[in-house]
Amino acid sequence: MRKANGFSIGSSASRKINAKISAFLLLLSLVLPAAALSSPGDPLTWRDSTWDYRSEDPTDIKTEIEPAKLFGVASLTLIAYGAAYGFVFEKGWWDDERTHFHFENDFDYALNLDKFGHFAAGVVLGEFFYEGYHWAGASEFQSYLFAGLSALATHIAIDVKDGFAPTWGFSIFDVLSGGLGGFLPMAERYVPLFKYIDLKWSYWINSNAYYDSNHAASGGVFTDDYVNQTFWLSVKPYRLLPESVRKYYPSWLAIAVGLSIDEKVFTKEPHPRREVYVALDYDLEAFRPQSRFARFAIKMLNYFKLPAPTIQVYPEFHWYLLYPIKF
């Protein structure tokens, strides 16, 4: 169960405080040298504060679609659909009696944090669909567009099946959330706003409230464990600063605002609440790897909010040294 932070007198509490202080000093010893070694004056590369790092190198852009590769992407997609239906959703209601198709908009579930979860799933699908279409020879724009449409189609297919479930239903807002997530990679490529922000996700099991409750519909799949998930908006100050000031600020250091919920959502205690966090963050793209594979790896890793000093600002004030790990 989740434990509230507080000040108490005793050897155990003292050891915890000393451990946090020691770890914080260690973190500073790592951060400060890195800040001093940051090099905003490096020659311009594919990733620069004024140029979109997601644009493909000219040598990577193919001129036409290769039918064999496109067929391979389509085949793998169909196999993935079949595996998801046959194995993942079997935990929910596959063996139950079907009902007539119906709609259900679950606005009260998980204080709507599940909509962020559907969005995040759409982002992952969009990124992998993009890589598949790009590998098959589609142009950069076509790859992003087809990826977004494919992620949207995936969510529609899932929710159509849910529409016949006895405990679920077709949710238009779940589909819209997942579909918008599928188009996020395209927005990050072509919408200037996304040069300055990232959307991220973190997960760490600090509470067993979700797993200790009954899950007639989902079977206790970790993706529904919203108590231990946090969704983040990460801002890149380096890119917002005037050029004359950037040399004083490490290009990889960002600031993030996160949203989560407390365990009352699943323990059925009254008045469940949302939680708001403010944290330091790392913009991994600032390290400028050159190969396309390294860029893809960094791009995917940058969707995860890595542990960092964090303050909970609502509904209570706490601080954590390496949130989402609470100790």
C-alpha atoms as a PDB file:
ATOM      1  CA  MET A   1       0.000   0.000   0.000  1.00  0.00           C
ATOM      2  CA  ARG A   2       1.067   3.547  -0.617  1.00  0.00           C
ATOM      3  CA  LYS A   3       2.680   5.344   2.300  1.00  0.00           C
ATOM      4  CA  ALA A   4       2.341   9.060   2.875  1.00  0.00           C
ATOM      5  CA  ASN A   5       5.474  11.108   3.349  1.00  0.00           C
ATOM      6  CA  GLY A   6       5.964  12.798   6.688  1.00  0.00           C
ATOM      7  CA  PHE A   7       8.518  13.870   9.283  1.00  0.00           C
ATOM      8  CA  SER A   8       9.095  11.480  12.167  1.00  0.00           C
ATOM      9  CA  ILE A   9      11.783  11.178  14.791  1.00  0.00           C
ATOM     10  CA  GLY A  10      13.793   7.966  14.974  1.00  0.00           C
ATOM     11  CA  SER A  11      16.805   6.188  13.649  1.00  0.00           C
ATOM     12  CA  SER A  12      14.903   4.690  10.692  1.00  0.00           C
ATOM     13  CA  ALA A  13      13.612   8.086   9.576  1.00  0.00           C
ATOM     14  CA  SER A  14      17.067   9.606  10.008  1.00  0.00           C
ATOM     15  CA  ARG A  15      18.624   6.931   7.828  1.00  0.00           C
ATOM     16  CA  LYS A  16      16.046   7.557   5.121  1.00  0.00           C
ATOM     17  CA  ILE A  17      16.662  11.302   5.191  1.00  0.00           C
ATOM     18  CA  ASN A  18      20.435  10.822   5.109  1.00  0.00           C
ATOM     19  CA  ALA A  19      20.078   8.387   2.223  1.00  0.00           C
ATOM     20  CA  LYS A  20      18.011  10.915   0.268  1.00  0.00           C
ATOM     21  CA  ILE A  21      20.504  13.711   0.947  1.00  0.00           C
ATOM     22  CA  SER A  22      23.430  11.507  -0.088  1.00  0.00           C
ATOM     23  CA  ALA A  23      21.677  10.420  -3.269  1.00  0.00           C
ATOM     24  CA  PHE A  24      20.766  14.026  -4.067  1.00  0.00           C
ATOM     25  CA  LEU A  25      24.383  15.146  -3.674  1.00  0.00           C
ATOM     26  CA  LEU A  26      25.476  12.261  -5.880  1.00  0.00           C
ATOM     27  CA  LEU A  27      22.974  13.351  -8.515  1.00  0.00           C
ATOM     28  CA  LEU A  28      24.302  16.905  -8.384  1.00  0.00           C
ATOM     29  CA  SER A  29      27.838  15.602  -8.833  1.00  0.00           C
ATOM     30  CA  LEU A  30      26.682  13.939 -12.041  1.00  0.00           C
ATOM     31  CA  VAL A  31      24.515  16.776 -13.334  1.00  0.00           C
ATOM     32  CA  LEU A  32      26.850  19.723 -12.831  1.00  0.00           C
ATOM     33  CA  PRO A  33      29.802  18.294 -14.789  1.00  0.00           C
ATOM     34  CA  ALA A  34      27.436  17.292 -17.571  1.00  0.00           C
ATOM     35  CA  ALA A  35      26.074  20.824 -17.680  1.00  0.00           C
ATOM     36  CA  ALA A  36      29.586  22.209 -17.918  1.00  0.00           C
ATOM     37  CA  LEU A  37      30.398  19.824 -20.756  1.00  0.00           C
ATOM     38  CA  SER A  38      27.250  20.572 -22.765  1.00  0.00           C
ATOM     39  CA  SER A  39      28.194  21.966 -26.139  1.00  0.00           C
ATOM     40  CA  PRO A  40      25.499  24.135 -27.728  1.00  0.00           C
ATOM     41  CA  GLY A  41      28.176  25.473 -30.047  1.00  0.00           C
ATOM     42  CA  ASP A  42      28.649  22.140 -31.809  1.00  0.00           C
ATOM     43  CA  PRO A  43      28.332  22.145 -35.614  1.00  0.00           C
ATOM     44  CA  LEU A  44      24.738  21.934 -36.795  1.00  0.00           C
ATOM     45  CA  THR A  45      23.587  18.357 -37.300  1.00  0.00           C
ATOM     46  CA  TRP A  46      20.276  16.595 -37.893  1.00  0.00           C
ATOM     47  CA  ARG A  47      19.283  17.545 -34.330  1.00  0.00           C
ATOM     48  CA  ASP A  48      19.618  21.265 -33.669  1.00  0.00           C
ATOM     49  CA  SER A  49      17.656  23.818 -31.682  1.00  0.00           C
ATOM     50  CA  THR A  50      16.335  25.419 -34.873  1.00  0.00           C
ATOM     51  CA  TRP A  51      16.042  22.415 -37.193  1.00  0.00           C
ATOM     52  CA  ASP A  52      13.602  19.518 -36.882  1.00  0.00           C
ATOM     53  CA  TYR A  53      15.563  16.475 -35.762  1.00  0.00           C
ATOM     54  CA  ARG A  54      12.826  14.137 -37.028  1.00  0.00           C
ATOM     55  CA  SER A  55      13.268  14.990 -40.692  1.00  0.00           C
ATOM     56  CA  GLU A  56      14.865  12.160 -42.623  1.00  0.00           C
ATOM     57  CA  ASP A  57      18.334  12.446 -44.076  1.00  0.00           C
ATOM     58  CA  PRO A  58      18.106  12.855 -47.889  1.00  0.00           C
ATOM     59  CA  THR A  59      19.976   9.581 -48.389  1.00  0.00           C
ATOM     60  CA  ASP A  60      17.319   7.730 -46.355  1.00  0.00           C
ATOM     61  CA  ILE A  61      14.362   8.915 -48.434  1.00  0.00           C
ATOM     62  CA  LYS A  62      13.274   6.352 -51.027  1.00  0.00           C
ATOM     63  CA  THR A  63      11.640   7.258 -54.305  1.00  0.00           C
ATOM     64  CA  GLU A  64       8.908   4.611 -54.542  1.00  0.00           C
ATOM     65  CA  ILE A  65       7.052   2.006 -52.523  1.00  0.00           C
ATOM     66  CA  GLU A  66       8.341  -1.553 -52.753  1.00  0.00           C
ATOM     67  CA  PRO A  67       5.263  -3.847 -53.010  1.00  0.00           C
ATOM     68  CA  ALA A  68       6.981  -6.861 -51.394  1.00  0.00           C
ATOM     69  CA  LYS A  69       7.988  -4.864 -48.332  1.00  0.00           C
ATOM     70  CA  LEU A  70       4.566  -3.214 -48.108  1.00  0.00           C
ATOM     71  CA  PHE A  71       2.975  -6.668 -48.224  1.00  0.00           C
ATOM     72  CA  GLY A  72       5.298  -7.706 -45.405  1.00  0.00           C
ATOM     73  CA  VAL A  73       4.225  -4.753 -43.273  1.00  0.00           C
ATOM     74  CA  ALA A  74       0.542  -5.529 -43.933  1.00  0.00           C
ATOM     75  CA  SER A  75       1.054  -9.201 -43.104  1.00  0.00           C
ATOM     76  CA  LEU A  76       2.797  -8.439 -39.809  1.00  0.00           C
ATOM     77  CA  THR A  77       0.021  -6.007 -38.936  1.00  0.00           C
ATOM     78  CA  LEU A  78      -2.664  -8.641 -39.511  1.00  0.00           C
ATOM     79  CA  ILE A  79      -0.696 -11.164 -37.462  1.00  0.00           C
ATOM     80  CA  ALA A  80      -0.394  -8.622 -34.640  1.00  0.00           C
ATOM     81  CA  TYR A  81      -4.156  -8.014 -34.796  1.00  0.00           C
ATOM     82  CA  GLY A  82      -4.804 -11.748 -34.577  1.00  0.00           C
ATOM     83  CA  ALA A  83      -2.393 -12.190 -31.676  1.00  0.00           C
ATOM     84  CA  ALA A  84      -3.955  -9.282 -29.774  1.00  0.00           C
ATOM     85  CA  TYR A  85      -7.460 -10.677 -30.239  1.00  0.00           C
ATOM     86  CA  GLY A  86      -6.517 -14.266 -29.573  1.00  0.00           C
ATOM     87  CA  PHE A  87      -4.249 -13.854 -26.565  1.00  0.00           C
ATOM     88  CA  VAL A  88      -4.407 -10.391 -24.981  1.00  0.00           C
ATOM     89  CA  PHE A  89      -8.153  -9.790 -25.034  1.00  0.00           C
ATOM     90  CA  GLU A  90      -8.885 -13.377 -24.134  1.00  0.00           C
ATOM     91  CA  LYS A  91      -8.104 -12.286 -20.568  1.00  0.00           C
ATOM     92  CA  GLY A  92     -11.086  -9.976 -20.708  1.00  0.00           C
ATOM     93  CA  TRP A  93     -14.217 -11.496 -22.157  1.00  0.00           C
ATOM     94  CA  TRP A  94     -13.345 -13.761 -25.136  1.00  0.00           C
ATOM     95  CA  ASP A  95     -14.999 -16.795 -23.537  1.00  0.00           C
ATOM     96  CA  ASP A  96     -17.950 -14.847 -22.149  1.00  0.00           C
ATOM     97  CA  GLU A  97     -21.334 -14.655 -23.793  1.00  0.00           C
ATOM     98  CA  ARG A  98     -21.542 -11.886 -26.350  1.00  0.00           C
ATOM     99  CA  THR A  99     -24.148  -9.162 -26.206  1.00  0.00           C
ATOM    100  CA  HIS A 100     -25.594  -6.893 -28.860  1.00  0.00           C
ATOM    101  CA  PHE A 101     -23.329  -4.097 -30.092  1.00  0.00           C
ATOM    102  CA  HIS A 102     -23.543  -1.095 -27.786  1.00  0.00           C
ATOM    103  CA  PHE A 103     -21.769   2.155 -26.962  1.00  0.00           C
ATOM    104  CA  GLU A 104     -20.323   3.126 -23.608  1.00  0.00           C
ATOM    105  CA  ASN A 105     -18.456   6.272 -22.637  1.00  0.00           C
ATOM    106  CA  ASP A 106     -16.725   5.602 -19.324  1.00  0.00           C
ATOM    107  CA  PHE A 107     -16.104   9.159 -18.154  1.00  0.00           C
ATOM    108  CA  ASP A 108     -15.878   8.078 -14.523  1.00  0.00           C
ATOM    109  CA  TYR A 109     -13.231   5.377 -14.964  1.00  0.00           C
ATOM    110  CA  ALA A 110      -9.796   6.231 -13.481  1.00  0.00           C
ATOM    111  CA  LEU A 111     -10.772   9.910 -13.372  1.00  0.00           C
ATOM    112  CA  ASN A 112     -10.372   9.885 -17.177  1.00  0.00           C
ATOM    113  CA  LEU A 113      -6.665   9.107 -16.962  1.00  0.00           C
ATOM    114  CA  ASP A 114      -7.382   6.104 -19.190  1.00  0.00           C
ATOM    115  CA  LYS A 115      -7.813   8.515 -22.104  1.00  0.00           C
ATOM    116  CA  PHE A 116      -4.141   9.431 -21.705  1.00  0.00           C
ATOM    117  CA  GLY A 117      -3.375   5.707 -21.729  1.00  0.00           C
ATOM    118  CA  HIS A 118      -5.176   5.223 -25.037  1.00  0.00           C
ATOM    119  CA  PHE A 119      -3.308   8.240 -26.405  1.00  0.00           C
ATOM    120  CA  ALA A 120       0.050   6.768 -25.347  1.00  0.00           C
ATOM    121  CA  ALA A 121      -0.802   3.433 -26.976  1.00  0.00           C
ATOM    122  CA  GLY A 122      -1.611   5.292 -30.182  1.00  0.00           C
ATOM    123  CA  VAL A 123       1.782   7.028 -30.074  1.00  0.00           C
ATOM    124  CA  VAL A 124       3.641   3.711 -29.845  1.00  0.00           C
ATOM    125  CA  LEU A 125       1.596   2.254 -32.703  1.00  0.00           C
ATOM    126  CA  GLY A 126       2.158   5.364 -34.795  1.00  0.00           C
ATOM    127  CA  GLU A 127       5.924   5.247 -34.348  1.00  0.00           C
ATOM    128  CA  PHE A 128       6.226   1.586 -35.304  1.00  0.00           C
ATOM    129  CA  PHE A 129       3.820   1.903 -38.231  1.00  0.00           C
ATOM    130  CA  TYR A 130       5.892   4.863 -39.434  1.00  0.00           C
ATOM    131  CA  GLU A 131       9.073   2.805 -39.396  1.00  0.00           C
ATOM    132  CA  GLY A 132       7.322   0.023 -41.301  1.00  0.00           C
ATOM    133  CA  TYR A 133       5.949   2.270 -44.036  1.00  0.00           C
ATOM    134  CA  HIS A 134       9.255   4.129 -44.327  1.00  0.00           C
ATOM    135  CA  TRP A 135      11.081   0.798 -44.684  1.00  0.00           C
ATOM    136  CA  ALA A 136       8.592  -0.210 -47.408  1.00  0.00           C
ATOM    137  CA  GLY A 137       9.562   2.860 -49.435  1.00  0.00           C
ATOM    138  CA  ALA A 138       6.758   5.321 -48.693  1.00  0.00           C
ATOM    139  CA  SER A 139       7.769   8.977 -48.580  1.00  0.00           C
ATOM    140  CA  GLU A 140       8.315  10.679 -45.264  1.00  0.00           C
ATOM    141  CA  PHE A 141       4.927  12.423 -45.346  1.00  0.00           C
ATOM    142  CA  GLN A 142       3.119   9.294 -46.559  1.00  0.00           C
ATOM    143  CA  SER A 143       4.724   7.211 -43.808  1.00  0.00           C
ATOM    144  CA  TYR A 144       3.560   9.587 -41.087  1.00  0.00           C
ATOM    145  CA  LEU A 145       0.060   9.857 -42.590  1.00  0.00           C
ATOM    146  CA  PHE A 146      -0.407   6.108 -43.124  1.00  0.00           C
ATOM    147  CA  ALA A 147       0.974   5.450 -39.623  1.00  0.00           C
ATOM    148  CA  GLY A 148      -1.615   7.733 -38.037  1.00  0.00           C
ATOM    149  CA  LEU A 149      -4.444   6.187 -40.040  1.00  0.00           C
ATOM    150  CA  SER A 150      -3.240   2.665 -39.173  1.00  0.00           C
ATOM    151  CA  ALA A 151      -3.133   3.482 -35.452  1.00  0.00           C
ATOM    152  CA  LEU A 152      -6.653   4.896 -35.708  1.00  0.00           C
ATOM    153  CA  ALA A 153      -7.852   1.765 -37.534  1.00  0.00           C
ATOM    154  CA  THR A 154      -6.295  -0.405 -34.814  1.00  0.00           C
ATOM    155  CA  HIS A 155      -8.224   1.403 -32.080  1.00  0.00           C
ATOM    156  CA  ILE A 156     -11.449   1.204 -34.077  1.00  0.00           C
ATOM    157  CA  ALA A 157     -10.977  -2.545 -34.510  1.00  0.00           C
ATOM    158  CA  ILE A 158     -10.354  -3.030 -30.792  1.00  0.00           C
ATOM    159  CA  ASP A 159     -13.340  -0.960 -29.758  1.00  0.00           C
ATOM    160  CA  VAL A 160     -15.664  -2.646 -32.255  1.00  0.00           C
ATOM    161  CA  LYS A 161     -14.845  -5.894 -30.508  1.00  0.00           C
ATOM    162  CA  ASP A 162     -15.371  -4.203 -27.140  1.00  0.00           C
ATOM    163  CA  GLY A 163     -18.785  -3.097 -28.402  1.00  0.00           C
ATOM    164  CA  PHE A 164     -19.966  -6.719 -28.202  1.00  0.00           C
ATOM    165  CA  ALA A 165     -18.475  -7.309 -24.745  1.00  0.00           C
ATOM    166  CA  PRO A 166     -20.856  -7.815 -21.805  1.00  0.00           C
ATOM    167  CA  THR A 167     -18.851  -5.549 -19.486  1.00  0.00           C
ATOM    168  CA  TRP A 168     -17.360  -3.088 -21.970  1.00  0.00           C
ATOM    169  CA  GLY A 169     -18.679  -1.132 -24.948  1.00  0.00           C
ATOM    170  CA  PHE A 170     -17.596   0.880 -27.970  1.00  0.00           C
ATOM    171  CA  SER A 171     -16.161   4.157 -26.671  1.00  0.00           C
ATOM    172  CA  ILE A 172     -15.911   6.968 -29.196  1.00  0.00           C
ATOM    173  CA  PHE A 173     -13.650   8.950 -26.902  1.00  0.00           C
ATOM    174  CA  ASP A 174     -11.275   6.010 -26.409  1.00  0.00           C
ATOM    175  CA  VAL A 175     -10.984   5.714 -30.198  1.00  0.00           C
ATOM    176  CA  LEU A 176     -10.421   9.446 -30.598  1.00  0.00           C
ATOM    177  CA  SER A 177      -7.746   9.424 -27.883  1.00  0.00           C
ATOM    178  CA  GLY A 178      -5.878   6.526 -29.481  1.00  0.00           C
ATOM    179  CA  GLY A 179      -6.276   7.987 -32.967  1.00  0.00           C
ATOM    180  CA  LEU A 180      -4.875  11.351 -31.910  1.00  0.00           C
ATOM    181  CA  GLY A 181      -1.933   9.554 -30.327  1.00  0.00           C
ATOM    182  CA  GLY A 182      -1.245   7.817 -33.624  1.00  0.00           C
ATOM    183  CA  PHE A 183      -0.880  11.200 -35.316  1.00  0.00           C
ATOM    184  CA  LEU A 184       1.460  12.618 -32.646  1.00  0.00           C
ATOM    185  CA  PRO A 185       4.634  11.484 -34.515  1.00  0.00           C
ATOM    186  CA  MET A 186       3.360  13.366 -37.562  1.00  0.00           C
ATOM    187  CA  ALA A 187       2.620  16.457 -35.470  1.00  0.00           C
ATOM    188  CA  GLU A 188       6.092  16.318 -33.922  1.00  0.00           C
ATOM    189  CA  ARG A 189       7.563  16.339 -37.406  1.00  0.00           C
ATOM    190  CA  TYR A 190       5.505  19.139 -38.967  1.00  0.00           C
ATOM    191  CA  VAL A 191       4.062  21.305 -36.143  1.00  0.00           C
ATOM    192  CA  PRO A 192       6.656  23.800 -34.798  1.00  0.00           C
ATOM    193  CA  LEU A 193       5.212  23.694 -31.258  1.00  0.00           C
ATOM    194  CA  PHE A 194       6.591  20.189 -30.757  1.00  0.00           C
ATOM    195  CA  LYS A 195      10.150  21.424 -31.087  1.00  0.00           C
ATOM    196  CA  TYR A 196       9.730  22.784 -27.577  1.00  0.00           C
ATOM    197  CA  ILE A 197       7.709  20.088 -25.795  1.00  0.00           C
ATOM    198  CA  ASP A 198       7.595  16.299 -25.397  1.00  0.00           C
ATOM    199  CA  LEU A 199       4.816  14.034 -24.136  1.00  0.00           C
ATOM    200  CA  LYS A 200       6.063  11.247 -21.866  1.00  0.00           C
ATOM    201  CA  TRP A 201       4.949   8.354 -19.660  1.00  0.00           C
ATOM    202  CA  SER A 202       6.334   6.763 -16.490  1.00  0.00           C
ATOM    203  CA  TYR A 203       5.380   3.634 -14.562  1.00  0.00           C
ATOM    204  CA  TRP A 204       6.547   2.138 -11.291  1.00  0.00           C
ATOM    205  CA  ILE A 205       4.588  -0.088  -8.908  1.00  0.00           C
ATOM    206  CA  ASN A 206       4.345   1.852  -5.650  1.00  0.00           C
ATOM    207  CA  SER A 207       0.842   0.628  -4.778  1.00  0.00           C
ATOM    208  CA  ASN A 208      -0.852  -2.773  -5.207  1.00  0.00           C
ATOM    209  CA  ALA A 209      -4.343  -1.273  -5.057  1.00  0.00           C
ATOM    210  CA  TYR A 210      -5.088  -2.073  -8.690  1.00  0.00           C
ATOM    211  CA  TYR A 211      -3.852  -5.674  -8.507  1.00  0.00           C
ATOM    212  CA  ASP A 212      -5.671  -6.323  -5.228  1.00  0.00           C
ATOM    213  CA  SER A 213      -9.038  -5.330  -6.707  1.00  0.00           C
ATOM    214  CA  ASN A 214     -11.361  -7.332  -8.944  1.00  0.00           C
ATOM    215  CA  HIS A 215     -10.993  -6.953 -12.715  1.00  0.00           C
ATOM    216  CA  ALA A 216     -13.911  -8.654 -14.380  1.00  0.00           C
ATOM    217  CA  ALA A 217     -13.207  -6.885 -17.661  1.00  0.00           C
ATOM    218  CA  SER A 218      -9.458  -6.465 -18.049  1.00  0.00           C
ATOM    219  CA  GLY A 219      -8.090  -9.367 -16.040  1.00  0.00           C
ATOM    220  CA  GLY A 220      -5.611  -7.112 -14.259  1.00  0.00           C
ATOM    221  CA  VAL A 221      -3.466  -6.066 -17.249  1.00  0.00           C
ATOM    222  CA  PHE A 222      -0.745  -3.603 -16.162  1.00  0.00           C
ATOM    223  CA  THR A 223      -1.785  -1.069 -18.818  1.00  0.00           C
ATOM    224  CA  ASP A 224      -4.891  -0.342 -16.700  1.00  0.00           C
ATOM    225  CA  ASP A 225      -2.841   0.250 -13.546  1.00  0.00           C
ATOM    226  CA  TYR A 226      -3.312   4.004 -13.684  1.00  0.00           C
ATOM    227  CA  VAL A 227      -2.509   4.458  -9.989  1.00  0.00           C
ATOM    228  CA  ASN A 228       1.143   3.784 -10.785  1.00  0.00           C
ATOM    229  CA  GLN A 229       1.242   5.597 -14.125  1.00  0.00           C
ATOM    230  CA  THR A 230       2.064   9.252 -14.671  1.00  0.00           C
ATOM    231  CA  PHE A 231       1.632  11.172 -17.923  1.00  0.00           C
ATOM    232  CA  TRP A 232       3.954  14.107 -18.520  1.00  0.00           C
ATOM    233  CA  LEU A 233       4.259  17.294 -20.522  1.00  0.00           C
ATOM    234  CA  SER A 234       7.977  18.060 -20.782  1.00  0.00           C
ATOM    235  CA  VAL A 235       9.168  21.545 -21.776  1.00  0.00           C
ATOM    236  CA  LYS A 236      12.627  22.219 -23.243  1.00  0.00           C
ATOM    237  CA  PRO A 237      13.856  25.554 -21.840  1.00  0.00           C
ATOM    238  CA  TYR A 238      17.053  25.420 -23.899  1.00  0.00           C
ATOM    239  CA  ARG A 239      15.087  25.797 -27.114  1.00  0.00           C
ATOM    240  CA  LEU A 240      13.018  28.646 -25.678  1.00  0.00           C
ATOM    241  CA  LEU A 241      15.985  30.703 -24.473  1.00  0.00           C
ATOM    242  CA  PRO A 242      17.599  33.457 -26.573  1.00  0.00           C
ATOM    243  CA  GLU A 243      20.684  32.230 -28.407  1.00  0.00           C
ATOM    244  CA  SER A 244      22.941  34.457 -26.283  1.00  0.00           C
ATOM    245  CA  VAL A 245      21.766  32.712 -23.104  1.00  0.00           C
ATOM    246  CA  ARG A 246      21.807  29.083 -24.274  1.00  0.00           C
ATOM    247  CA  LYS A 247      25.483  28.586 -23.485  1.00  0.00           C
ATOM    248  CA  TYR A 248      24.637  28.925 -19.782  1.00  0.00           C
ATOM    249  CA  TYR A 249      21.911  26.270 -19.805  1.00  0.00           C
ATOM    250  CA  PRO A 250      22.438  22.523 -20.441  1.00  0.00           C
ATOM    251  CA  SER A 251      20.633  21.562 -23.626  1.00  0.00           C
ATOM    252  CA  TRP A 252      19.497  18.204 -22.205  1.00  0.00           C
ATOM    253  CA  LEU A 253      17.788  19.557 -19.054  1.00  0.00           C
ATOM    254  CA  ALA A 254      13.994  19.905 -19.296  1.00  0.00           C
ATOM    255  CA  ILE A 255      11.118  20.624 -16.900  1.00  0.00           C
ATOM    256  CA  ALA A 256       8.063  18.355 -16.808  1.00  0.00           C
ATOM    257  CA  VAL A 257       4.549  18.539 -15.353  1.00  0.00           C
ATOM    258  CA  GLY A 258       2.885  15.192 -14.621  1.00  0.00           C
ATOM    259  CA  LEU A 259      -0.635  13.928 -13.930  1.00  0.00           C
ATOM    260  CA  SER A 260      -1.589  10.767 -12.036  1.00  0.00           C
ATOM    261  CA  ILE A 261      -4.305   9.523  -9.633  1.00  0.00           C
ATOM    262  CA  ASP A 262      -4.311   8.139  -6.099  1.00  0.00           C
ATOM    263  CA  GLU A 263      -5.137   4.564  -5.117  1.00  0.00           C
ATOM    264  CA  LYS A 264      -8.633   5.459  -3.867  1.00  0.00           C
ATOM    265  CA  VAL A 265      -9.793   4.936  -7.445  1.00  0.00           C
ATOM    266  CA  PHE A 266      -9.370   1.180  -6.967  1.00  0.00           C
ATOM    267  CA  THR A 267      -9.775   0.807  -3.197  1.00  0.00           C
ATOM    268  CA  LYS A 268     -13.250   2.377  -3.524  1.00  0.00           C
ATOM    269  CA  GLU A 269     -12.504   4.871  -0.762  1.00  0.00           C
ATOM    270  CA  PRO A 270     -14.434   8.141  -1.025  1.00  0.00           C
ATOM    271  CA  HIS A 271     -13.102  11.212  -2.834  1.00  0.00           C
ATOM    272  CA  PRO A 272     -10.396   9.813  -5.157  1.00  0.00           C
ATOM    273  CA  ARG A 273      -8.128  12.585  -6.386  1.00  0.00           C
ATOM    274  CA  ARG A 274      -5.817  13.456  -9.206  1.00  0.00           C
ATOM    275  CA  GLU A 275      -2.160  14.113  -8.429  1.00  0.00           C
ATOM    276  CA  VAL A 276       0.010  16.787 -10.050  1.00  0.00           C
ATOM    277  CA  TYR A 277       3.807  16.682 -10.141  1.00  0.00           C
ATOM    278  CA  VAL A 278       6.614  19.006 -11.253  1.00  0.00           C
ATOM    279  CA  ALA A 279       9.952  17.379 -12.059  1.00  0.00           C
ATOM    280  CA  LEU A 280      13.316  17.718 -13.702  1.00  0.00           C
ATOM    281  CA  ASP A 281      13.574  15.824 -16.972  1.00  0.00           C
ATOM    282  CA  TYR A 282      16.125  14.779 -19.566  1.00  0.00           C
ATOM    283  CA  ASP A 283      15.861  15.570 -23.264  1.00  0.00           C
ATOM    284  CA  LEU A 284      17.759  12.593 -24.646  1.00  0.00           C
ATOM    285  CA  GLU A 285      17.641  14.022 -28.167  1.00  0.00           C
ATOM    286  CA  ALA A 286      20.133  16.652 -27.037  1.00  0.00           C
ATOM    287  CA  PHE A 287      22.925  14.062 -27.177  1.00  0.00           C
ATOM    288  CA  ARG A 288      22.779  14.043 -30.981  1.00  0.00           C
ATOM    289  CA  PRO A 289      23.434  10.449 -32.094  1.00  0.00           C
ATOM    290  CA  GLN A 290      24.166  10.348 -35.803  1.00  0.00           C
ATOM    291  CA  SER A 291      23.087   6.932 -37.110  1.00  0.00           C
ATOM    292  CA  ARG A 292      19.448   6.442 -38.022  1.00  0.00           C
ATOM    293  CA  PHE A 293      19.089   3.459 -35.677  1.00  0.00           C
ATOM    294  CA  ALA A 294      20.483   5.480 -32.771  1.00  0.00           C
ATOM    295  CA  ARG A 295      18.086   8.290 -33.584  1.00  0.00           C
ATOM    296  CA  PHE A 296      15.173   5.854 -33.577  1.00  0.00           C
ATOM    297  CA  ALA A 297      16.286   4.382 -30.247  1.00  0.00           C
ATOM    298  CA  ILE A 298      16.639   7.826 -28.657  1.00  0.00           C
ATOM    299  CA  LYS A 299      13.303   8.909 -30.099  1.00  0.00           C
ATOM    300  CA  MET A 300      11.543   5.928 -28.491  1.00  0.00           C
ATOM    301  CA  LEU A 301      13.391   6.231 -25.171  1.00  0.00           C
ATOM    302  CA  ASN A 302      12.462   9.891 -25.006  1.00  0.00           C
ATOM    303  CA  TYR A 303       8.799   8.916 -24.640  1.00  0.00           C
ATOM    304  CA  PHE A 304       9.661   7.519 -21.199  1.00  0.00           C
ATOM    305  CA  LYS A 305      10.072   9.855 -18.254  1.00  0.00           C
ATOM    306  CA  LEU A 306      13.221   8.678 -16.496  1.00  0.00           C
ATOM    307  CA  PRO A 307      13.573   8.916 -12.682  1.00  0.00           C
ATOM    308  CA  ALA A 308      14.430  12.417 -11.509  1.00  0.00           C
ATOM    309  CA  PRO A 309      13.914  14.802  -8.565  1.00  0.00           C
ATOM    310  CA  THR A 310      10.199  15.556  -8.358  1.00  0.00           C
ATOM    311  CA  ILE A 311       7.768  17.588  -6.268  1.00  0.00           C
ATOM    312  CA  GLN A 312       4.125  16.648  -5.841  1.00  0.00           C
ATOM    313  CA  VAL A 313       2.208  19.936  -5.748  1.00  0.00           C
ATOM    314  CA  TYR A 314      -1.407  18.668  -5.593  1.00  0.00           C
ATOM    315  CA  PRO A 315      -3.385  17.573  -3.621  1.00  0.00           C
ATOM    316  CA  GLU A 316      -0.544  17.387  -1.088  1.00  0.00           C
ATOM    317  CA  PHE A 317       3.070  18.496  -1.053  1.00  0.00           C
ATOM    318  CA  HIS A 318       5.742  15.787  -1.166  1.00  0.00           C
ATOM    319  CA  TRP A 319       9.157  15.517  -2.724  1.00  0.00           C
ATOM    320  CA  TYR A 320      10.764  12.481  -4.248  1.00  0.00           C
ATOM    321  CA  LEU A 321      14.379  12.062  -5.187  1.00  0.00           C
ATOM    322  CA  LEU A 322      13.887   9.712  -8.142  1.00  0.00           C
ATOM    323  CA  TYR A 323      10.189   9.690  -8.964  1.00  0.00           C
ATOM    324  CA  PRO A 324       8.358   7.522 -10.058  1.00  0.00           C
ATOM    325  CA  ILE A 325      10.313   5.456  -7.524  1.00  0.00           C
ATOM    326  CA  LYS A 326       9.006   6.407  -4.103  1.00  0.00           C
ATOM    327  CA  PHE A 327      11.310   5.650  -1.170  1.00  0.00           C
END
